[in-house]
C-alpha atoms as a PDB file:
ATOM      1  CA  UNK A   1      86.428  79.907 118.699  1.00  0.00           C
ATOM      2  CA  UNK A   2      85.132  83.261 117.521  1.00  0.00           C
ATOM      3  CA  UNK A   3      87.386  86.307 117.484  1.00  0.00           C
ATOM      4  CA  UNK A   4      85.392  88.111 120.188  1.00  0.00           C
ATOM      5  CA  UNK A   5      85.836  85.088 122.450  1.00  0.00           C
ATOM      6  CA  UNK A   6      89.557  85.034 121.622  1.00  0.00           C
ATOM      7  CA  UNK A   7      89.918  88.691 122.581  1.00  0.00           C
ATOM      8  CA  UNK A   8      87.977  88.125 125.793  1.00  0.00           C
ATOM      9  CA  UNK A   9      90.133  85.125 126.682  1.00  0.00           C
ATOM     10  CA  UNK A  10      93.304  87.043 125.822  1.00  0.00           C
ATOM     11  CA  UNK A  11      92.172  90.007 127.932  1.00  0.00           C
ATOM     12  CA  UNK A  12      91.551  87.791 130.957  1.00  0.00           C
ATOM     13  CA  UNK A  13      94.472  85.363 130.780  1.00  0.00           C
ATOM     14  CA  UNK A  14      97.318  87.456 129.337  1.00  0.00           C
ATOM     15  CA  UNK A  15      96.628  90.421 131.624  1.00  0.00           C
ATOM     16  CA  UNK A  16      96.071  88.039 134.548  1.00  0.00           C
ATOM     17  CA  UNK A  17      92.658  89.323 135.589  1.00  0.00           C
ATOM     18  CA  UNK A  18      90.677  86.084 135.704  1.00  0.00           C
ATOM     19  CA  UNK A  19      89.557  87.051 139.190  1.00  0.00           C
ATOM     20  CA  UNK A  20      89.063  90.640 140.221  1.00  0.00           C
ATOM     21  CA  UNK A  21      90.916  91.686 143.375  1.00  0.00           C
ATOM     22  CA  UNK A  22      88.021  93.081 145.348  1.00  0.00           C
ATOM     23  CA  UNK A  23      84.362  92.549 145.993  1.00  0.00           C
ATOM     24  CA  UNK A  24      83.761  96.289 145.799  1.00  0.00           C
ATOM     25  CA  UNK A  25      82.369  97.575 142.531  1.00  0.00           C
ATOM     26  CA  UNK A  26      84.392 100.822 142.453  1.00  0.00           C
ATOM     27  CA  UNK A  27      87.694  99.002 142.996  1.00  0.00           C
ATOM     28  CA  UNK A  28      86.952  96.378 140.362  1.00  0.00           C
ATOM     29  CA  UNK A  29      85.826  99.121 137.975  1.00  0.00           C
ATOM     30  CA  UNK A  30      89.171 100.899 138.415  1.00  0.00           C
ATOM     31  CA  UNK A  31      91.118  97.646 137.871  1.00  0.00           C
ATOM     32  CA  UNK A  32      89.168  96.920 134.688  1.00  0.00           C
ATOM     33  CA  UNK A  33      89.670 100.483 133.416  1.00  0.00           C
ATOM     34  CA  UNK A  34      93.435 100.187 133.941  1.00  0.00           C
ATOM     35  CA  UNK A  35      93.415  96.758 132.288  1.00  0.00           C
ATOM     36  CA  UNK A  36      91.566  98.139 129.252  1.00  0.00           C
ATOM     37  CA  UNK A  37      94.125 100.935 128.926  1.00  0.00           C
ATOM     38  CA  UNK A  38      97.012  98.436 129.185  1.00  0.00           C
ATOM     39  CA  UNK A  39      95.287  96.127 126.694  1.00  0.00           C
ATOM     40  CA  UNK A  40      94.835  98.895 124.130  1.00  0.00           C
ATOM     41  CA  UNK A  41      98.437 100.096 124.494  1.00  0.00           C
ATOM     42  CA  UNK A  42      99.777  96.559 124.117  1.00  0.00           C
ATOM     43  CA  UNK A  43      97.545  95.953 121.084  1.00  0.00           C
ATOM     44  CA  UNK A  44      98.889  99.135 119.466  1.00  0.00           C
ATOM     45  CA  UNK A  45     102.468  98.102 120.217  1.00  0.00           C
ATOM     46  CA  UNK A  46     101.675  94.674 118.782  1.00  0.00           C
ATOM     47  CA  UNK A  47     100.277  96.163 115.602  1.00  0.00           C
ATOM     48  CA  UNK A  48     103.003  98.748 115.135  1.00  0.00           C
ATOM     49  CA  UNK A  49     106.041  97.113 116.672  1.00  0.00           C
ATOM     50  CA  UNK A  50     105.768  93.425 116.005  1.00  0.00           C
ATOM     51  CA  UNK A  51     104.232  93.377 112.540  1.00  0.00           C
ATOM     52  CA  UNK A  52     106.707  95.796 110.951  1.00  0.00           C
ATOM     53  CA  UNK A  53     109.916  95.190 109.006  1.00  0.00           C
ATOM     54  CA  UNK A  54     112.051  95.635 112.121  1.00  0.00           C
ATOM     55  CA  UNK A  55     110.066  93.090 114.137  1.00  0.00           C
ATOM     56  CA  UNK A  56     112.069  90.638 116.254  1.00  0.00           C
ATOM     57  CA  UNK A  57     109.845  87.759 115.121  1.00  0.00           C
ATOM     58  CA  UNK A  58     110.720  84.877 112.837  1.00  0.00           C
ATOM     59  CA  UNK A  59     107.792  85.149 110.416  1.00  0.00           C
ATOM     60  CA  UNK A  60     105.428  87.876 109.240  1.00  0.00           C
ATOM     61  CA  UNK A  61     102.386  87.993 111.572  1.00  0.00           C
ATOM     62  CA  UNK A  62      99.008  89.557 110.993  1.00  0.00           C
ATOM     63  CA  UNK A  63      98.244  89.800 114.684  1.00  0.00           C
ATOM     64  CA  UNK A  64     100.054  88.829 117.858  1.00  0.00           C
ATOM     65  CA  UNK A  65      98.652  87.805 121.225  1.00  0.00           C
ATOM     66  CA  UNK A  66      99.379  90.113 124.140  1.00  0.00           C
ATOM     67  CA  UNK A  67     101.523  87.422 125.720  1.00  0.00           C
ATOM     68  CA  UNK A  68     103.761  87.378 122.635  1.00  0.00           C
ATOM     69  CA  UNK A  69     103.988  91.179 122.588  1.00  0.00           C
ATOM     70  CA  UNK A  70     105.006  91.205 126.235  1.00  0.00           C
ATOM     71  CA  UNK A  71     107.542  88.396 125.767  1.00  0.00           C
ATOM     72  CA  UNK A  72     109.129  89.898 122.649  1.00  0.00           C
ATOM     73  CA  UNK A  73     109.115  93.598 123.571  1.00  0.00           C
ATOM     74  CA  UNK A  74     108.326  94.153 127.246  1.00  0.00           C
ATOM     75  CA  UNK A  75     110.502  91.503 128.873  1.00  0.00           C
ATOM     76  CA  UNK A  76     113.680  92.965 127.362  1.00  0.00           C
ATOM     77  CA  UNK A  77     116.599  93.939 129.548  1.00  0.00           C
ATOM     78  CA  UNK A  78     117.356  97.653 129.519  1.00  0.00           C
ATOM     79  CA  UNK A  79     119.004 100.064 131.889  1.00  0.00           C
ATOM     80  CA  UNK A  80     117.278 103.256 133.050  1.00  0.00           C
ATOM     81  CA  UNK A  81     119.838 106.066 132.818  1.00  0.00           C
ATOM     82  CA  UNK A  82     119.435 109.665 133.929  1.00  0.00           C
ATOM     83  CA  UNK A  83     121.676 112.318 132.419  1.00  0.00           C
ATOM     84  CA  UNK A  84     121.133 116.028 131.869  1.00  0.00           C
ATOM     85  CA  UNK A  85     117.844 115.746 133.785  1.00  0.00           C
ATOM     86  CA  UNK A  86     116.487 113.326 131.176  1.00  0.00           C
ATOM     87  CA  UNK A  87     115.591 109.696 131.690  1.00  0.00           C
ATOM     88  CA  UNK A  88     116.508 107.231 128.947  1.00  0.00           C
ATOM     89  CA  UNK A  89     116.484 103.498 128.365  1.00  0.00           C
ATOM     90  CA  UNK A  90     119.789 101.946 127.342  1.00  0.00           C
ATOM     91  CA  UNK A  91     119.543  98.649 125.490  1.00  0.00           C
ATOM     92  CA  UNK A  92     122.221  96.090 124.766  1.00  0.00           C
ATOM     93  CA  UNK A  93     124.164  96.630 121.580  1.00  0.00           C
ATOM     94  CA  UNK A  94     122.704  93.435 120.111  1.00  0.00           C
ATOM     95  CA  UNK A  95     119.145  93.731 121.412  1.00  0.00           C
ATOM     96  CA  UNK A  96     116.726  92.253 118.831  1.00  0.00           C
ATOM     97  CA  UNK A  97     113.821  94.391 120.113  1.00  0.00           C
ATOM     98  CA  UNK A  98     115.563  97.772 119.832  1.00  0.00           C
ATOM     99  CA  UNK A  99     114.649  98.555 116.185  1.00  0.00           C
ATOM    100  CA  UNK A 100     111.001  97.921 117.018  1.00  0.00           C
ATOM    101  CA  UNK A 101     111.181 100.154 120.115  1.00  0.00           C
ATOM    102  CA  UNK A 102     112.872 102.866 118.071  1.00  0.00           C
ATOM    103  CA  UNK A 103     110.214 102.733 115.325  1.00  0.00           C
ATOM    104  CA  UNK A 104     107.347 102.849 117.849  1.00  0.00           C
ATOM    105  CA  UNK A 105     108.933 105.784 119.668  1.00  0.00           C
ATOM    106  CA  UNK A 106     109.407 107.666 116.382  1.00  0.00           C
ATOM    107  CA  UNK A 107     105.720 107.174 115.546  1.00  0.00           C
ATOM    108  CA  UNK A 108     104.661 108.430 118.978  1.00  0.00           C
ATOM    109  CA  UNK A 109     107.005 111.431 118.852  1.00  0.00           C
ATOM    110  CA  UNK A 110     105.842 112.428 115.364  1.00  0.00           C
ATOM    111  CA  UNK A 111     102.139 112.086 116.111  1.00  0.00           C
END
């Protein structure tokens, strides 16, 4: 399978948009635009967060599928805490995904 076909398949299956929700062009256009934004953000997180030294993965990847990125970094238990009018995520003390989250956040805050 070619890489463009892999990306297309990944876009449809991993983001669960095999079938568009509406028969109206404007609605489907909005859904696809949101899906493209989510896809690009998850790809960036996959490149920056999962392929680094602090990655919670067992071996060094070159590229990760969106499903893997979501399973390793998005489906992590955290508590939303508000204090001093700021909202923060609190992770478990032994959370394997926290170093990756911290590195990604540092890159976003610096840039």
